[in-house]
Amino acid sequence: MLRKGQCHARARPYGPPPNQDDMLYAFASVAETDLKENAVKRLLVVTLQALVLLFVPVVALAQQELVSDPEIYEKDHFRTECKVAEFGEGFVTRLDINNDGLMDAITNRGALTCDGEKARSCGDDGCPYNFYVQVKEGGYLMIATATIYSYDFVQRFGNMVFEFKMHPRFCERTDSEPCVMTVRVRGTKFVTISSK
C-alpha cells in the first residue's frame, strides 16, 4: 500500500528502461519499415498498372481483329449458330462508307433467317447492323454495331454520310417519330453530325 508522498514505479515488461540511443534506433527502425512497406506498395501499384497497360491493348486488338471478308466471316458465324441459316438479298451491302476509295461492307441481321425465324435479332429498337471498313493492308475491320430501323447513305457538303433512322429514345424523345441521326465515318470512327 502506498503512503502519501510515495510513488508507485511500474516494472517495464521488456527489460530495463531504454536509453536515448535505443529510442532513436527504434524510431529509425519503424521509419525504415514504413519506407520499405511504402516502397513495396508503390512497386505493387506500378506493376499492376503496367500489367493493365500491357493487357488492354491486347484485348482491344483481339476485338478489332481483321477479317478477310465480312460476308464470309458473318455467314460462317451464323451457320454455326443456326441449324439452317438463310441470308436475304440485303444481308451484305458494299459501299465506301469512309470516303477513302476502298469498298467497305455493312451487314444487316434483319435479312437473316435462322432456323426458320426471320430477323430474330431485331426488336422494337430495330435490327443490328455491323459496319466494316476495308484497310489498305488488306482485310476488313469492324468499327461499329448499331441497332437501327434503316439508313440512307447520302451526300452532304461533299462527303457521303449516313442518315440512321432509329428509335426516338436515341434522340432523347418519347414520341413515336423515328430519330434521324446523321453520322459521318472518318477513318475508323463514327462522328455524329446531328440528330433530330
Protein backbone atom coordinates (compact mmCIF):
# COMPACT_ATOMS: atom_id res chain seq x y z
CA MET A 1 0.00 0.00 0.00
CA LEU A 2 1.26 3.44 -0.90
CA ARG A 3 1.57 6.19 1.59
CA LYS A 4 1.24 9.83 0.94
CA GLY A 5 4.33 11.15 -0.86
CA GLN A 6 5.37 7.75 -2.26
CA CYS A 7 5.27 6.92 -5.97
CA HIS A 8 4.48 3.66 -7.45
CA ALA A 9 7.01 2.56 -10.04
CA ARG A 10 5.84 0.06 -12.58
CA ALA A 11 8.13 -2.60 -13.83
CA ARG A 12 8.72 -2.48 -17.60
CA PRO A 13 7.72 -5.76 -19.19
CA TYR A 14 10.50 -5.59 -21.78
CA GLY A 15 13.52 -5.14 -19.64
CA PRO A 16 15.36 -2.11 -18.35
CA PRO A 17 14.30 1.38 -19.39
CA PRO A 18 15.70 2.31 -22.77
CA ASN A 19 18.39 4.87 -23.14
CA GLN A 20 18.28 7.64 -25.77
CA ASP A 21 20.27 5.65 -28.35
CA ASP A 22 17.87 2.71 -28.12
CA MET A 23 14.89 5.01 -28.59
CA LEU A 24 16.44 6.68 -31.65
CA TYR A 25 17.22 3.25 -33.11
CA ALA A 26 13.61 2.14 -32.53
CA PHE A 27 12.21 5.23 -34.25
CA ALA A 28 14.63 4.83 -37.16
CA SER A 29 13.69 1.17 -37.44
CA VAL A 30 9.96 1.99 -37.55
CA ALA A 31 10.54 4.73 -40.13
CA GLU A 32 12.69 2.38 -42.21
CA THR A 33 9.99 -0.32 -42.04
CA ASP A 34 7.34 2.22 -43.14
CA LEU A 35 9.57 3.28 -46.05
CA LYS A 36 10.07 -0.35 -47.08
CA GLU A 37 6.33 -1.07 -46.85
CA ASN A 38 5.52 2.06 -48.86
CA ALA A 39 8.12 1.12 -51.46
CA VAL A 40 6.63 -2.37 -51.77
CA LYS A 41 3.12 -0.90 -52.08
CA ARG A 42 4.29 1.54 -54.76
CA LEU A 43 6.05 -1.26 -56.62
CA LEU A 44 2.88 -3.36 -56.48
CA VAL A 45 0.74 -0.49 -57.81
CA VAL A 46 3.21 0.28 -60.60
CA THR A 47 3.38 -3.40 -61.54
CA LEU A 48 -0.41 -3.67 -61.67
CA GLN A 49 -0.63 -0.53 -63.80
CA ALA A 50 1.99 -1.90 -66.18
CA LEU A 51 0.07 -5.18 -66.49
CA VAL A 52 -3.14 -3.29 -67.24
CA LEU A 53 -1.39 -1.19 -69.87
CA LEU A 54 0.02 -4.34 -71.47
CA PHE A 55 -3.26 -6.28 -71.26
CA VAL A 56 -5.71 -3.61 -72.51
CA PRO A 57 -4.12 -3.19 -75.98
CA VAL A 58 -4.16 -6.98 -76.39
CA VAL A 59 -7.89 -7.02 -75.61
CA ALA A 60 -8.51 -4.09 -77.95
CA LEU A 61 -6.51 -5.81 -80.69
CA ALA A 62 -8.48 -9.01 -80.17
CA GLN A 63 -11.74 -7.05 -80.51
CA GLN A 64 -10.51 -5.35 -83.68
CA GLU A 65 -9.28 -8.41 -85.47
CA LEU A 66 -9.03 -8.11 -89.24
CA VAL A 67 -11.30 -10.37 -91.25
CA SER A 68 -10.60 -11.26 -94.86
CA ASP A 69 -14.23 -10.79 -95.96
CA PRO A 70 -17.11 -9.70 -93.69
CA GLU A 71 -19.70 -11.59 -95.73
CA ILE A 72 -17.86 -14.91 -95.41
CA TYR A 73 -16.99 -14.20 -91.77
CA GLU A 74 -20.58 -13.44 -90.70
CA LYS A 75 -22.16 -16.19 -92.79
CA ASP A 76 -19.77 -18.74 -91.27
CA HIS A 77 -20.65 -17.43 -87.80
CA PHE A 78 -24.40 -17.77 -88.33
CA ARG A 79 -24.03 -21.19 -89.92
CA THR A 80 -22.57 -22.36 -86.61
CA GLU A 81 -25.26 -20.53 -84.57
CA CYS A 82 -28.22 -21.83 -86.60
CA LYS A 83 -29.04 -25.33 -87.83
CA VAL A 84 -30.34 -23.73 -91.05
CA ALA A 85 -29.21 -20.19 -91.92
CA GLU A 86 -30.69 -18.32 -94.88
CA PHE A 87 -29.37 -14.94 -95.96
CA GLY A 88 -31.66 -12.46 -97.71
CA GLU A 89 -30.68 -10.11 -100.50
CA GLY A 90 -29.91 -7.20 -98.15
CA PHE A 91 -27.69 -9.17 -95.77
CA VAL A 92 -24.50 -7.51 -97.11
CA THR A 93 -24.16 -4.10 -98.75
CA ARG A 94 -20.82 -2.98 -100.14
CA LEU A 95 -20.01 0.71 -100.45
CA ASP A 96 -17.30 3.19 -99.47
CA ILE A 97 -18.53 4.42 -96.09
CA ASN A 98 -15.45 6.45 -95.06
CA ASN A 99 -14.69 8.18 -98.39
CA ASP A 100 -11.23 6.60 -98.77
CA GLY A 101 -11.82 4.94 -102.16
CA LEU A 102 -11.96 1.38 -100.74
CA MET A 103 -15.17 -0.64 -100.74
CA ASP A 104 -16.41 -1.28 -97.22
CA ALA A 105 -19.23 -3.55 -96.03
CA ILE A 106 -22.40 -3.37 -93.94
CA THR A 107 -24.20 -6.47 -92.70
CA ASN A 108 -27.87 -6.47 -91.69
CA ARG A 109 -29.13 -9.16 -89.31
CA GLY A 110 -32.67 -8.28 -90.33
CA ALA A 111 -32.01 -10.15 -93.58
CA LEU A 112 -31.05 -13.34 -91.72
CA THR A 113 -33.44 -16.25 -91.27
CA CYS A 114 -32.20 -18.60 -88.55
CA ASP A 115 -33.92 -21.98 -88.16
CA GLY A 116 -37.00 -20.64 -89.95
CA GLU A 117 -37.23 -17.48 -87.80
CA LYS A 118 -36.68 -14.31 -89.85
CA ALA A 119 -34.94 -11.36 -88.22
CA ARG A 120 -34.84 -12.91 -84.74
CA SER A 121 -32.14 -10.43 -83.62
CA CYS A 122 -34.47 -7.50 -84.33
CA GLY A 123 -36.71 -5.81 -81.77
CA ASP A 124 -38.52 -2.55 -81.03
CA ASP A 125 -35.23 -0.65 -81.47
CA GLY A 126 -34.65 -2.06 -84.96
CA CYS A 127 -32.14 -4.57 -86.29
CA PRO A 128 -28.39 -4.87 -85.61
CA TYR A 129 -26.11 -3.70 -88.41
CA ASN A 130 -22.34 -4.26 -88.40
CA PHE A 131 -20.10 -1.75 -90.18
CA TYR A 132 -16.78 -2.89 -91.63
CA VAL A 133 -14.04 -0.69 -93.09
CA GLN A 134 -11.57 -2.11 -95.59
CA VAL A 135 -7.96 -1.27 -94.71
CA LYS A 136 -5.14 -0.68 -97.19
CA GLU A 137 -3.07 -3.51 -95.69
CA GLY A 138 -5.81 -5.93 -96.69
CA GLY A 139 -8.83 -7.21 -94.84
CA TYR A 140 -11.67 -5.51 -93.01
CA LEU A 141 -12.05 -4.06 -89.54
CA MET A 142 -15.44 -3.99 -87.80
CA ILE A 143 -15.76 -0.44 -86.47
CA ALA A 144 -19.33 -0.33 -85.17
CA THR A 145 -22.56 -2.14 -84.48
CA ALA A 146 -25.78 -0.12 -84.49
CA THR A 147 -29.35 -1.17 -83.85
CA ILE A 148 -31.40 0.89 -86.30
CA TYR A 149 -34.64 0.77 -88.32
CA SER A 150 -32.90 1.64 -91.60
CA TYR A 151 -30.38 4.02 -93.12
CA ASP A 152 -29.84 6.21 -96.16
CA PHE A 153 -26.37 6.92 -97.49
CA VAL A 154 -26.43 10.48 -98.85
CA GLN A 155 -24.04 13.24 -99.86
CA ARG A 156 -23.70 16.24 -97.54
CA PHE A 157 -21.17 19.02 -98.02
CA GLY A 158 -19.15 16.89 -100.45
CA ASN A 159 -18.96 13.82 -98.21
CA MET A 160 -21.08 10.70 -98.05
CA VAL A 161 -22.84 10.36 -94.69
CA PHE A 162 -25.35 8.04 -93.06
CA GLU A 163 -28.82 9.09 -92.03
CA PHE A 164 -29.79 6.47 -89.47
CA LYS A 165 -33.46 6.08 -88.65
CA MET A 166 -33.58 4.94 -85.04
CA HIS A 167 -35.85 4.56 -82.04
CA PRO A 168 -36.85 8.05 -80.72
CA ARG A 169 -35.16 7.40 -77.36
CA PHE A 170 -31.76 7.70 -79.09
CA CYS A 171 -32.64 11.38 -79.61
CA GLU A 172 -33.94 11.59 -76.03
CA ARG A 173 -37.55 11.79 -77.21
CA THR A 174 -40.68 9.97 -76.11
CA ASP A 175 -42.86 10.48 -79.20
CA SER A 176 -43.27 7.87 -81.94
CA GLU A 177 -41.48 9.70 -84.77
CA PRO A 178 -38.14 7.96 -85.54
CA CYS A 179 -34.93 9.70 -84.56
CA VAL A 180 -32.82 10.66 -87.58
CA MET A 181 -29.12 10.73 -86.78
CA THR A 182 -26.63 11.99 -89.36
CA VAL A 183 -23.26 10.29 -88.99
CA ARG A 184 -20.02 10.56 -90.94
CA VAL A 185 -17.33 7.89 -90.88
CA ARG A 186 -13.82 9.35 -90.60
CA GLY A 187 -11.18 6.67 -90.93
CA THR A 188 -12.43 4.08 -88.45
CA LYS A 189 -14.56 6.37 -86.26
CA PHE A 190 -18.25 7.28 -86.36
CA VAL A 191 -18.76 11.04 -85.90
CA THR A 192 -22.30 12.24 -85.16
CA ILE A 193 -23.07 15.40 -87.12
CA SER A 194 -26.66 15.91 -85.99
CA SER A 195 -29.69 14.19 -84.53
CA LYS A 196 -33.34 15.19 -84.60
